[in-house]
């Protein structure tokens, strides 16, 4: 009897949903994400169709209001020449500005209720709505979707995804931008553990990148640490379903944090810390953010869901495909370098795994127009024009060492870890130290750095002018992507930090 009632209820629900969709759409539908790849990423395998009664979460991106006005405000508070510079909006201010219209909220809620989606929660800005539905409900809600189980990645992650595109009623086009949780697979880590280079000579050598090596190269003294008294904090976000261990952080600081004041524990974790083994990438992020931005309160945002000019084949032709969030015009993206002499603290050259390129989604922002135009007109080593979108947002903006790091993970010190996941927390930590000085002197923190960075033409940074990064491996580009040169380039940006000079440049106004 119970089973019959359940079937009857599900049948009625399906009829109601179909009727609502028919009324809402007039039999018309649209595909919100026509450019999404349908091929399975390397290293993932299908385990077959998901059980119709299994639950999954989907995130609905609702259309924001006043986006153009928000862009104007971001530019105003980030531009040192603007009277609004540093006068940041609160989250409540942003919510009032971009919150979806009452019509959007009402229409989407009615549509979801008709599908039986009752377990939903939103965010303060109300532009993202996450709902739990059964597979059966989700496939009725999103015609074309067909959910399967997959396993893959270095940690054998299990996910539920649809290999087929989904459709939405045409009447939802003004209200829903896309639905998350269907197509995208967790990205694999960009970190690599390289073989130990051959040593020649013994004078002045280091045995890999540690906090003391970073501080020496970028000219930090033992006094360049947080005061512990300002209202200053920093944070990193963990994706890839990787997690850090407090014990690894404490051991790392015991081994490598002896010559500067530091904190040995994270102040707060937002989200869920998974059980089991720590991830090398997550461990590295926390350890180098907290050793570069030393003695500053640190938060970790942990979320299950970074990379360079990756290769994408379109109709048999290769193209570079830079990915989000590195290619967003609203983040400061960090490329990677290595020492010219691997065991000596010397000048830096391009680390061949450094990310960089031009976005296929975001147009070039005005703040980098001059720098990118100059690079494109003067570089002697550009790849074929068909490989990249020359009018897109170009990145990175800056760089730091990314080669040969020591990291402690699962109680084991691991050498020769490399990737831009190393350079990013280092640069972020140094900016936290600069914010410390600004806050203590009564100034606002830096906020979004890029407009100021490009206006000042990379002042306070070491220019990196040698080397290229790897790219699509075929006979046309022969494994070579973009190359560095004087000034800005899409491999190392404006260069790597010279802390005293960068502090002087960014302390005023």
Protein backbone atom coordinates (compact mmCIF):
# COMPACT_ATOMS: atom_id res chain seq x y z
CA UNK A 1 0.00 0.00 0.00
CA UNK A 2 2.79 2.39 0.91
CA UNK A 3 4.62 1.66 -2.35
CA UNK A 4 1.43 2.24 -4.35
CA UNK A 5 0.83 5.56 -2.61
CA UNK A 6 4.41 6.59 -3.29
CA UNK A 7 4.08 5.72 -6.97
CA UNK A 8 0.79 7.59 -7.19
CA UNK A 9 2.27 10.63 -5.51
CA UNK A 10 5.28 10.60 -7.85
CA UNK A 11 3.01 10.20 -10.86
CA UNK A 12 0.88 13.15 -9.77
CA UNK A 13 4.04 15.17 -9.14
CA UNK A 14 5.31 14.38 -12.63
CA UNK A 15 1.98 15.43 -14.15
CA UNK A 16 1.93 18.68 -12.18
CA UNK A 17 5.52 19.47 -13.18
CA UNK A 18 4.80 18.72 -16.84
CA UNK A 19 1.66 20.86 -16.73
CA UNK A 20 3.50 23.73 -15.03
CA UNK A 21 6.37 23.52 -17.50
CA UNK A 22 3.91 23.49 -20.39
CA UNK A 23 2.09 26.56 -19.08
CA UNK A 24 5.35 28.32 -18.26
CA UNK A 25 7.12 27.59 -21.50
CA UNK A 26 4.55 27.19 -24.19
CA UNK A 27 6.47 24.04 -25.24
CA UNK A 28 9.61 26.11 -25.84
CA UNK A 29 12.91 25.40 -24.10
CA UNK A 30 16.50 26.61 -24.11
CA UNK A 31 19.95 25.30 -23.15
CA UNK A 32 21.63 27.61 -20.59
CA UNK A 33 25.16 26.21 -21.10
CA UNK A 34 25.64 25.41 -24.78
CA UNK A 35 29.45 25.52 -24.56
CA UNK A 36 29.84 22.92 -21.80
CA UNK A 37 32.04 19.96 -22.71
CA UNK A 38 30.23 16.61 -22.75
CA UNK A 39 33.33 14.41 -22.90
CA UNK A 40 34.53 12.63 -19.78
CA UNK A 41 37.72 14.19 -18.35
CA UNK A 42 40.81 11.97 -18.37
CA UNK A 43 41.01 9.67 -15.36
CA UNK A 44 37.25 9.40 -14.78
CA UNK A 45 35.07 6.33 -15.45
CA UNK A 46 31.32 5.80 -15.38
CA UNK A 47 29.78 3.42 -12.86
CA UNK A 48 26.36 3.48 -14.53
CA UNK A 49 23.01 5.17 -14.01
CA UNK A 50 22.16 6.61 -10.62
CA UNK A 51 19.25 5.21 -8.62
CA UNK A 52 16.10 7.29 -9.34
CA UNK A 53 15.41 7.62 -5.60
CA UNK A 54 18.93 8.79 -4.75
CA UNK A 55 19.22 12.43 -3.70
CA UNK A 56 21.58 15.03 -5.14
CA UNK A 57 22.02 18.77 -4.74
CA UNK A 58 21.66 21.25 -7.59
CA UNK A 59 22.48 24.95 -7.45
CA UNK A 60 20.32 27.37 -9.43
CA UNK A 61 21.98 30.64 -10.43
CA UNK A 62 19.26 33.29 -10.49
CA UNK A 63 19.56 36.39 -12.65
CA UNK A 64 21.01 39.31 -10.71
CA UNK A 65 19.85 42.91 -10.99
CA UNK A 66 21.97 46.05 -11.46
CA UNK A 67 25.08 44.19 -12.60
CA UNK A 68 26.34 47.17 -14.61
CA UNK A 69 25.99 49.40 -11.57
CA UNK A 70 27.91 46.86 -9.49
CA UNK A 71 30.73 46.88 -12.05
CA UNK A 72 30.89 50.67 -11.84
CA UNK A 73 31.15 50.53 -8.05
CA UNK A 74 33.87 47.84 -8.14
CA UNK A 75 35.89 50.05 -10.48
CA UNK A 76 35.34 53.15 -8.32
CA UNK A 77 36.42 51.58 -5.02
CA UNK A 78 39.45 49.89 -6.69
CA UNK A 79 40.83 52.85 -8.65
CA UNK A 80 43.28 55.00 -6.64
CA UNK A 81 42.34 58.06 -8.72
CA UNK A 82 38.66 57.75 -7.75
CA UNK A 83 37.22 59.67 -4.76
CA UNK A 84 35.45 56.39 -3.87
CA UNK A 85 38.75 54.46 -3.57
CA UNK A 86 38.72 52.16 -0.54
CA UNK A 87 35.10 52.98 0.38
CA UNK A 88 33.96 49.38 0.13
CA UNK A 89 30.40 48.12 0.10
CA UNK A 90 29.13 45.83 2.84
CA UNK A 91 27.63 42.47 1.94
CA UNK A 92 24.23 43.92 2.77
CA UNK A 93 24.87 46.80 0.32
CA UNK A 94 25.73 44.29 -2.40
CA UNK A 95 22.67 42.18 -1.59
CA UNK A 96 20.37 45.20 -1.89
CA UNK A 97 21.90 45.98 -5.27
CA UNK A 98 22.00 42.59 -6.99
CA UNK A 99 19.17 40.66 -5.36
CA UNK A 100 16.99 39.00 -8.06
CA UNK A 101 13.69 40.69 -8.77
CA UNK A 102 10.54 39.56 -6.91
CA UNK A 103 9.28 38.16 -10.23
CA UNK A 104 12.40 36.04 -10.65
CA UNK A 105 12.22 34.73 -7.08
CA UNK A 106 8.51 33.93 -7.36
CA UNK A 107 8.77 32.26 -10.78
CA UNK A 108 11.70 30.02 -9.83
CA UNK A 109 10.20 29.06 -6.48
CA UNK A 110 6.90 28.04 -8.14
CA UNK A 111 8.79 26.00 -10.72
CA UNK A 112 10.82 24.19 -8.07
CA UNK A 113 7.83 23.54 -5.83
CA UNK A 114 6.01 21.95 -8.76
CA UNK A 115 8.96 19.53 -9.00
CA UNK A 116 8.73 18.69 -5.31
CA UNK A 117 11.94 20.51 -4.41
CA UNK A 118 11.20 21.55 -0.85
CA UNK A 119 14.64 21.29 0.77
CA UNK A 120 16.24 24.47 -0.58
CA UNK A 121 18.45 27.14 0.95
CA UNK A 122 19.65 30.47 -0.41
CA UNK A 123 22.42 32.98 0.32
CA UNK A 124 22.26 36.55 1.57
CA UNK A 125 22.24 37.95 -1.97
CA UNK A 126 19.52 35.41 -2.92
CA UNK A 127 21.11 34.83 -6.35
CA UNK A 128 22.11 31.23 -5.66
CA UNK A 129 19.57 28.65 -4.55
CA UNK A 130 20.72 25.12 -3.62
CA UNK A 131 18.09 22.39 -3.52
CA UNK A 132 18.08 18.69 -2.70
CA UNK A 133 16.04 16.54 -5.10
CA UNK A 134 15.80 12.90 -6.03
CA UNK A 135 17.38 11.85 -9.32
CA UNK A 136 13.88 11.24 -10.65
CA UNK A 137 12.76 14.76 -9.74
CA UNK A 138 15.92 16.32 -11.19
CA UNK A 139 15.51 14.54 -14.53
CA UNK A 140 11.87 15.62 -14.73
CA UNK A 141 12.84 19.17 -13.85
CA UNK A 142 15.71 19.33 -16.38
CA UNK A 143 14.69 17.51 -19.58
CA UNK A 144 17.67 15.90 -21.30
CA UNK A 145 19.66 15.38 -18.10
CA UNK A 146 20.55 11.77 -17.28
CA UNK A 147 22.50 11.22 -14.08
CA UNK A 148 25.31 8.69 -13.74
CA UNK A 149 27.83 7.81 -11.06
CA UNK A 150 31.49 8.52 -11.85
CA UNK A 151 34.74 7.89 -10.04
CA UNK A 152 38.14 9.44 -10.75
CA UNK A 153 40.89 11.82 -9.80
CA UNK A 154 43.94 11.08 -7.66
CA UNK A 155 41.78 10.45 -4.57
CA UNK A 156 39.16 8.28 -6.33
CA UNK A 157 36.42 10.87 -5.82
CA UNK A 158 32.80 9.79 -6.42
CA UNK A 159 30.41 12.24 -8.12
CA UNK A 160 27.01 12.20 -9.81
CA UNK A 161 26.88 14.04 -13.14
CA UNK A 162 24.91 14.12 -16.39
CA UNK A 163 26.76 13.35 -19.65
CA UNK A 164 23.94 14.99 -21.62
CA UNK A 165 22.84 18.65 -21.86
CA UNK A 166 19.77 19.82 -20.01
CA UNK A 167 16.96 22.12 -21.08
CA UNK A 168 14.95 24.75 -19.20
CA UNK A 169 11.56 26.25 -20.08
CA UNK A 170 12.01 29.28 -22.32
CA UNK A 171 10.03 31.40 -19.88
CA UNK A 172 12.82 30.89 -17.33
CA UNK A 173 15.43 32.46 -19.62
CA UNK A 174 15.10 35.92 -17.96
CA UNK A 175 15.34 34.34 -14.52
CA UNK A 176 17.86 31.42 -14.44
CA UNK A 177 21.43 31.76 -15.75
CA UNK A 178 22.47 28.12 -15.27
CA UNK A 179 22.12 25.09 -13.01
CA UNK A 180 25.24 23.87 -11.22
CA UNK A 181 25.96 20.26 -10.30
CA UNK A 182 25.31 18.63 -13.67
CA UNK A 183 28.38 18.77 -15.89
CA UNK A 184 31.52 20.06 -14.22
CA UNK A 185 33.91 17.52 -12.67
CA UNK A 186 36.25 18.39 -9.78
CA UNK A 187 39.48 19.70 -11.33
CA UNK A 188 42.63 17.73 -10.69
CA UNK A 189 45.45 19.28 -8.72
CA UNK A 190 48.06 21.17 -10.73
CA UNK A 191 50.79 20.32 -8.21
CA UNK A 192 53.65 18.06 -9.26
CA UNK A 193 56.44 16.43 -7.32
CA UNK A 194 59.51 16.78 -9.48
CA UNK A 195 62.73 14.76 -9.38
CA UNK A 196 65.49 16.31 -7.33
CA UNK A 197 67.79 18.38 -9.59
CA UNK A 198 71.48 17.53 -9.85
CA UNK A 199 73.70 19.50 -7.47
CA UNK A 200 76.83 21.20 -8.78
CA UNK A 201 79.02 22.83 -6.12
CA UNK A 202 78.21 23.32 -2.44
CA UNK A 203 78.63 27.00 -1.55
CA UNK A 204 75.48 28.92 -0.55
CA UNK A 205 73.10 26.14 -1.55
CA UNK A 206 69.54 25.61 -0.36
CA UNK A 207 67.81 22.24 -0.50
CA UNK A 208 64.42 23.37 -1.72
CA UNK A 209 62.01 26.25 -1.21
CA UNK A 210 61.07 26.86 2.43
CA UNK A 211 59.71 29.95 4.22
CA UNK A 212 63.25 31.17 4.93
CA UNK A 213 64.18 30.88 1.23
CA UNK A 214 61.08 32.83 0.23
CA UNK A 215 61.73 35.53 2.82
CA UNK A 216 65.34 35.90 1.69
CA UNK A 217 64.51 36.06 -2.03
CA UNK A 218 61.71 38.60 -1.54
CA UNK A 219 63.68 40.70 0.99
CA UNK A 220 61.61 40.20 4.13
CA UNK A 221 63.25 40.64 7.53
CA UNK A 222 62.30 38.89 10.76
CA UNK A 223 60.28 42.02 11.62
CA UNK A 224 58.04 41.65 8.57
CA UNK A 225 55.24 39.81 10.34
CA UNK A 226 51.78 40.64 11.59
CA UNK A 227 51.48 42.59 14.82
CA UNK A 228 48.82 40.34 16.26
CA UNK A 229 46.90 43.43 17.41
CA UNK A 230 45.28 44.79 14.24
CA UNK A 231 41.88 43.86 12.87
CA UNK A 232 43.56 41.98 10.04
CA UNK A 233 42.93 38.47 8.74
CA UNK A 234 43.56 36.35 5.67
CA UNK A 235 41.90 33.28 4.22
CA UNK A 236 42.35 30.51 1.71
CA UNK A 237 39.72 28.31 0.08
CA UNK A 238 40.03 24.54 -0.22
CA UNK A 239 38.49 22.86 -3.26
CA UNK A 240 39.25 19.53 -4.95
CA UNK A 241 37.80 17.80 -1.84
CA UNK A 242 41.19 18.19 -0.17
CA UNK A 243 41.71 19.00 3.49
CA UNK A 244 44.56 20.02 5.79
CA UNK A 245 45.54 18.67 9.21
CA UNK A 246 46.32 20.96 12.16
CA UNK A 247 49.10 18.59 13.22
CA UNK A 248 50.81 18.98 9.81
CA UNK A 249 50.70 22.77 10.13
CA UNK A 250 52.21 22.61 13.63
CA UNK A 251 54.98 20.28 12.43
CA UNK A 252 55.68 22.50 9.40
CA UNK A 253 56.11 25.54 11.63
CA UNK A 254 58.40 23.60 14.00
CA UNK A 255 60.60 22.59 11.05
CA UNK A 256 60.59 25.78 8.99
CA UNK A 257 59.22 28.65 11.08
CA UNK A 258 62.04 29.16 13.54
CA UNK A 259 63.35 32.59 12.47
CA UNK A 260 60.15 34.67 12.41
CA UNK A 261 57.06 35.13 14.59
CA UNK A 262 54.14 33.04 13.38
CA UNK A 263 50.91 31.33 14.33
CA UNK A 264 50.73 27.53 14.32
CA UNK A 265 47.00 26.97 14.09
CA UNK A 266 44.13 28.17 11.90
CA UNK A 267 41.77 30.60 13.62
CA UNK A 268 38.61 29.26 11.99
CA UNK A 269 37.41 26.74 9.41
CA UNK A 270 34.25 27.66 7.48
CA UNK A 271 32.62 24.56 6.00
CA UNK A 272 33.36 20.89 6.52
CA UNK A 273 36.80 19.43 7.04
CA UNK A 274 36.73 15.91 5.59
CA UNK A 275 38.16 12.97 7.48
CA UNK A 276 41.01 10.81 6.33
CA UNK A 277 44.28 11.74 4.68
CA UNK A 278 45.33 15.36 4.19
CA UNK A 279 45.80 16.62 0.63
CA UNK A 280 49.20 17.98 -0.39
CA UNK A 281 47.61 21.00 -2.09
CA UNK A 282 45.46 21.87 0.91
CA UNK A 283 48.43 21.45 3.25
CA UNK A 284 50.63 23.66 1.06
CA UNK A 285 48.01 26.43 0.81
CA UNK A 286 47.65 26.79 4.55
CA UNK A 287 51.34 26.38 5.41
CA UNK A 288 52.65 28.95 2.95
CA UNK A 289 49.85 31.49 3.43
CA UNK A 290 50.59 31.42 7.16
CA UNK A 291 54.38 31.58 6.75
CA UNK A 292 54.36 34.35 4.12
CA UNK A 293 51.58 36.28 5.86
CA UNK A 294 53.19 35.40 9.16
CA UNK A 295 51.47 35.99 12.51
CA UNK A 296 48.18 37.02 10.87
CA UNK A 297 44.89 35.40 11.84
CA UNK A 298 43.97 32.87 9.13
CA UNK A 299 40.66 31.34 8.12
CA UNK A 300 40.11 28.37 5.82
CA UNK A 301 37.00 28.07 3.65
CA UNK A 302 36.45 24.41 2.83
CA UNK A 303 34.26 23.53 -0.16
CA UNK A 304 34.05 20.24 -2.28
CA UNK A 305 34.41 21.62 -6.27
CA UNK A 306 42.64 26.15 -10.61
CA UNK A 307 44.95 26.01 -13.96
CA UNK A 308 46.76 27.50 -16.91
CA UNK A 309 46.40 27.69 -20.66
CA UNK A 310 45.06 24.18 -20.92
CA UNK A 311 44.55 22.40 -24.22
CA UNK A 312 41.12 21.99 -25.81
CA UNK A 313 40.45 20.27 -29.11
CA UNK A 314 37.66 21.80 -31.20
CA UNK A 315 36.71 19.99 -34.42
CA UNK A 316 40.17 18.48 -34.58
CA UNK A 317 41.94 21.82 -33.97
CA UNK A 318 43.75 22.69 -30.76
CA UNK A 319 43.04 25.83 -28.75
CA UNK A 320 44.24 27.11 -25.40
CA UNK A 321 41.44 27.03 -22.84
CA UNK A 322 42.28 29.02 -19.69
CA UNK A 323 39.91 28.22 -16.86
CA UNK A 324 37.98 29.85 -14.05
CA UNK A 325 38.68 31.43 -11.58
CA UNK A 326 42.19 32.24 -12.81
CA UNK A 327 40.84 33.92 -15.95
CA UNK A 328 38.31 36.10 -14.12
CA UNK A 329 39.03 39.83 -14.46
CA UNK A 330 38.08 40.29 -10.79
CA UNK A 331 40.88 38.27 -9.20
CA UNK A 332 44.62 38.89 -9.01
CA UNK A 333 46.08 35.80 -10.65
CA UNK A 334 49.55 34.51 -9.75
CA UNK A 335 51.87 32.79 -12.22
CA UNK A 336 54.90 30.67 -11.37
CA UNK A 337 58.68 31.04 -11.47
CA UNK A 338 61.73 29.01 -10.56
CA UNK A 339 65.28 29.95 -9.65
CA UNK A 340 67.66 30.35 -12.58
CA UNK A 341 70.05 28.15 -10.59
CA UNK A 342 67.91 25.52 -8.81
CA UNK A 343 69.89 25.39 -5.53
CA UNK A 344 70.83 29.07 -5.32
CA UNK A 345 68.69 32.05 -4.29
CA UNK A 346 69.14 33.87 -7.58
CA UNK A 347 67.10 35.65 -10.22
CA UNK A 348 63.92 33.92 -11.35
CA UNK A 349 62.86 32.55 -14.72
CA UNK A 350 59.53 31.18 -15.91
CA UNK A 351 58.46 27.90 -14.37
CA UNK A 352 57.30 25.99 -17.45
CA UNK A 353 54.13 24.85 -15.64
CA UNK A 354 53.09 28.46 -14.95
CA UNK A 355 49.52 29.18 -15.99
CA UNK A 356 48.68 32.01 -18.31
CA UNK A 357 46.78 33.05 -21.38
CA UNK A 358 43.62 34.78 -22.55
CA UNK A 359 40.08 34.06 -21.44
CA UNK A 360 37.56 32.70 -23.94
CA UNK A 361 34.71 34.02 -21.77
CA UNK A 362 35.70 37.34 -20.18
CA UNK A 363 36.61 40.33 -22.35
CA UNK A 364 39.77 42.30 -21.65
CA UNK A 365 39.18 44.71 -18.75
CA UNK A 366 40.06 48.35 -19.29
CA UNK A 367 42.69 48.36 -16.54
CA UNK A 368 44.99 46.08 -18.58
CA UNK A 369 44.35 47.48 -22.06
CA UNK A 370 47.66 49.33 -22.33
CA UNK A 371 49.83 46.51 -20.99
CA UNK A 372 48.27 43.73 -23.08
CA UNK A 373 48.24 45.77 -26.28
CA UNK A 374 51.93 46.50 -25.82
CA UNK A 375 52.72 42.82 -25.26
CA UNK A 376 50.76 41.63 -28.30
CA UNK A 377 52.41 44.20 -30.54
CA UNK A 378 55.97 43.59 -29.35
CA UNK A 379 56.36 39.93 -28.39
CA UNK A 380 58.42 37.93 -30.90
CA UNK A 381 57.17 34.56 -29.61
CA UNK A 382 53.38 34.56 -29.92
CA UNK A 383 51.64 31.22 -30.63
CA UNK A 384 49.40 31.04 -33.74
CA UNK A 385 46.48 33.47 -33.44
CA UNK A 386 43.95 30.63 -33.78
CA UNK A 387 45.11 29.25 -30.43
CA UNK A 388 43.98 32.12 -28.22
CA UNK A 389 41.43 34.91 -27.91
CA UNK A 390 43.55 38.06 -28.13
CA UNK A 391 40.65 40.24 -26.96
CA UNK A 392 40.04 38.23 -23.77
CA UNK A 393 41.06 38.95 -20.20
CA UNK A 394 44.79 38.20 -20.07
CA UNK A 395 46.51 36.68 -17.06
CA UNK A 396 48.42 36.24 -14.77
CA UNK A 397 48.86 39.63 -13.14
CA UNK A 398 51.87 38.79 -10.96
CA UNK A 399 54.02 35.75 -10.12
CA UNK A 400 56.06 34.10 -7.38
CA UNK A 401 58.21 31.02 -6.90
CA UNK A 402 56.32 27.83 -7.73
CA UNK A 403 59.09 25.23 -7.96
CA UNK A 404 60.66 22.90 -5.42
CA UNK A 405 58.66 23.52 -2.23
CA UNK A 406 58.82 21.58 1.01
CA UNK A 407 55.41 20.76 2.49
CA UNK A 408 54.30 18.60 5.43
CA UNK A 409 51.34 16.33 4.69
CA UNK A 410 50.12 13.40 6.80
CA UNK A 411 53.08 13.98 9.15
CA UNK A 412 55.61 13.49 6.34
CA UNK A 413 57.90 16.30 5.07
CA UNK A 414 57.65 16.14 1.25
CA UNK A 415 60.24 17.88 -0.99
CA UNK A 416 60.16 19.26 -4.54
CA UNK A 417 56.44 20.05 -4.75
CA UNK A 418 55.74 22.44 -7.63
CA UNK A 419 52.80 24.37 -9.05
CA UNK A 420 51.08 27.76 -9.01
CA UNK A 421 49.14 26.49 -6.00
CA UNK A 422 52.41 27.26 -4.21
CA UNK A 423 53.03 30.73 -5.62
CA UNK A 424 49.48 31.94 -4.98
CA UNK A 425 49.40 31.68 -1.15
CA UNK A 426 52.90 33.19 -0.99
CA UNK A 427 51.85 36.33 -2.86
CA UNK A 428 48.57 36.45 -0.93
CA UNK A 429 50.42 36.30 2.38
CA UNK A 430 52.70 39.20 1.41
CA UNK A 431 49.65 41.29 0.52
CA UNK A 432 48.26 40.48 3.97
CA UNK A 433 51.42 41.98 5.49
CA UNK A 434 50.94 45.13 3.40
CA UNK A 435 47.32 45.33 4.54
CA UNK A 436 48.62 45.12 8.11
CA UNK A 437 50.65 48.29 7.56
CA UNK A 438 47.71 50.04 5.89
CA UNK A 439 45.30 49.17 8.69
CA UNK A 440 47.72 50.24 11.42
CA UNK A 441 48.20 53.57 9.66
CA UNK A 442 44.44 54.18 9.42
CA UNK A 443 44.04 53.29 5.74
CA UNK A 444 41.61 50.76 4.27
CA UNK A 445 42.95 47.40 3.06
CA UNK A 446 43.93 47.10 -0.58
CA UNK A 447 40.79 45.38 -1.78
CA UNK A 448 40.81 44.46 -5.48
CA UNK A 449 44.40 45.12 -6.50
CA UNK A 450 44.46 44.92 -10.31
CA UNK A 451 43.51 48.47 -11.36
CA UNK A 452 46.20 49.88 -9.06
CA UNK A 453 48.73 47.23 -10.08
CA UNK A 454 48.38 48.07 -13.78
CA UNK A 455 48.31 51.85 -13.20
CA UNK A 456 51.65 51.55 -11.41
CA UNK A 457 53.11 49.37 -14.18
CA UNK A 458 54.31 46.69 -11.77
CA UNK A 459 56.24 49.00 -9.43
CA UNK A 460 57.70 47.05 -6.51
CA UNK A 461 58.08 43.82 -8.49
CA UNK A 462 61.06 41.98 -9.97
CA UNK A 463 60.53 41.74 -13.73
CA UNK A 464 60.92 38.17 -15.03
CA UNK A 465 62.02 38.18 -18.66
CA UNK A 466 63.22 34.66 -19.45
CA UNK A 467 61.34 31.46 -20.24
CA UNK A 468 58.07 30.11 -21.68
CA UNK A 469 55.30 27.88 -20.34
CA UNK A 470 54.14 24.57 -21.78
CA UNK A 471 50.98 24.30 -23.84
CA UNK A 472 49.22 22.16 -26.43
CA UNK A 473 51.72 19.58 -27.63
CA UNK A 474 51.49 19.41 -31.40
CA UNK A 475 53.70 20.15 -34.37
CA UNK A 476 52.35 23.68 -34.82
CA UNK A 477 53.45 25.15 -31.49
CA UNK A 478 55.90 22.40 -30.50
CA UNK A 479 54.93 22.46 -26.83
CA UNK A 480 55.65 26.18 -26.36
CA UNK A 481 52.95 28.52 -25.17
CA UNK A 482 53.49 32.16 -24.24
CA UNK A 483 56.91 33.52 -23.31
CA UNK A 484 57.95 36.17 -20.81
CA UNK A 485 59.52 39.49 -21.73
CA UNK A 486 60.13 43.00 -20.38
CA UNK A 487 57.12 44.45 -18.56
CA UNK A 488 53.83 42.59 -18.40
CA UNK A 489 53.43 39.19 -20.07
CA UNK A 490 50.86 36.33 -19.88
CA UNK A 491 53.29 34.02 -18.09
CA UNK A 492 54.56 36.01 -15.08
CA UNK A 493 52.39 39.12 -15.24
CA UNK A 494 54.29 42.14 -13.91
CA UNK A 495 56.75 39.93 -12.01
CA UNK A 496 57.55 38.69 -8.50
CA UNK A 497 57.51 40.63 -5.22
CA UNK A 498 60.32 42.76 -3.85
CA UNK A 499 58.64 43.23 -0.49
CA UNK A 500 60.15 46.53 0.74
CA UNK A 501 59.57 48.18 -2.64
CA UNK A 502 56.08 46.71 -2.98
CA UNK A 503 55.17 47.87 0.53
CA UNK A 504 56.34 51.40 -0.27
CA UNK A 505 54.39 51.40 -3.53
CA UNK A 506 51.14 50.10 -2.03
CA UNK A 507 51.15 51.81 1.36
CA UNK A 508 49.91 55.16 0.03
CA UNK A 509 47.35 56.55 -0.43
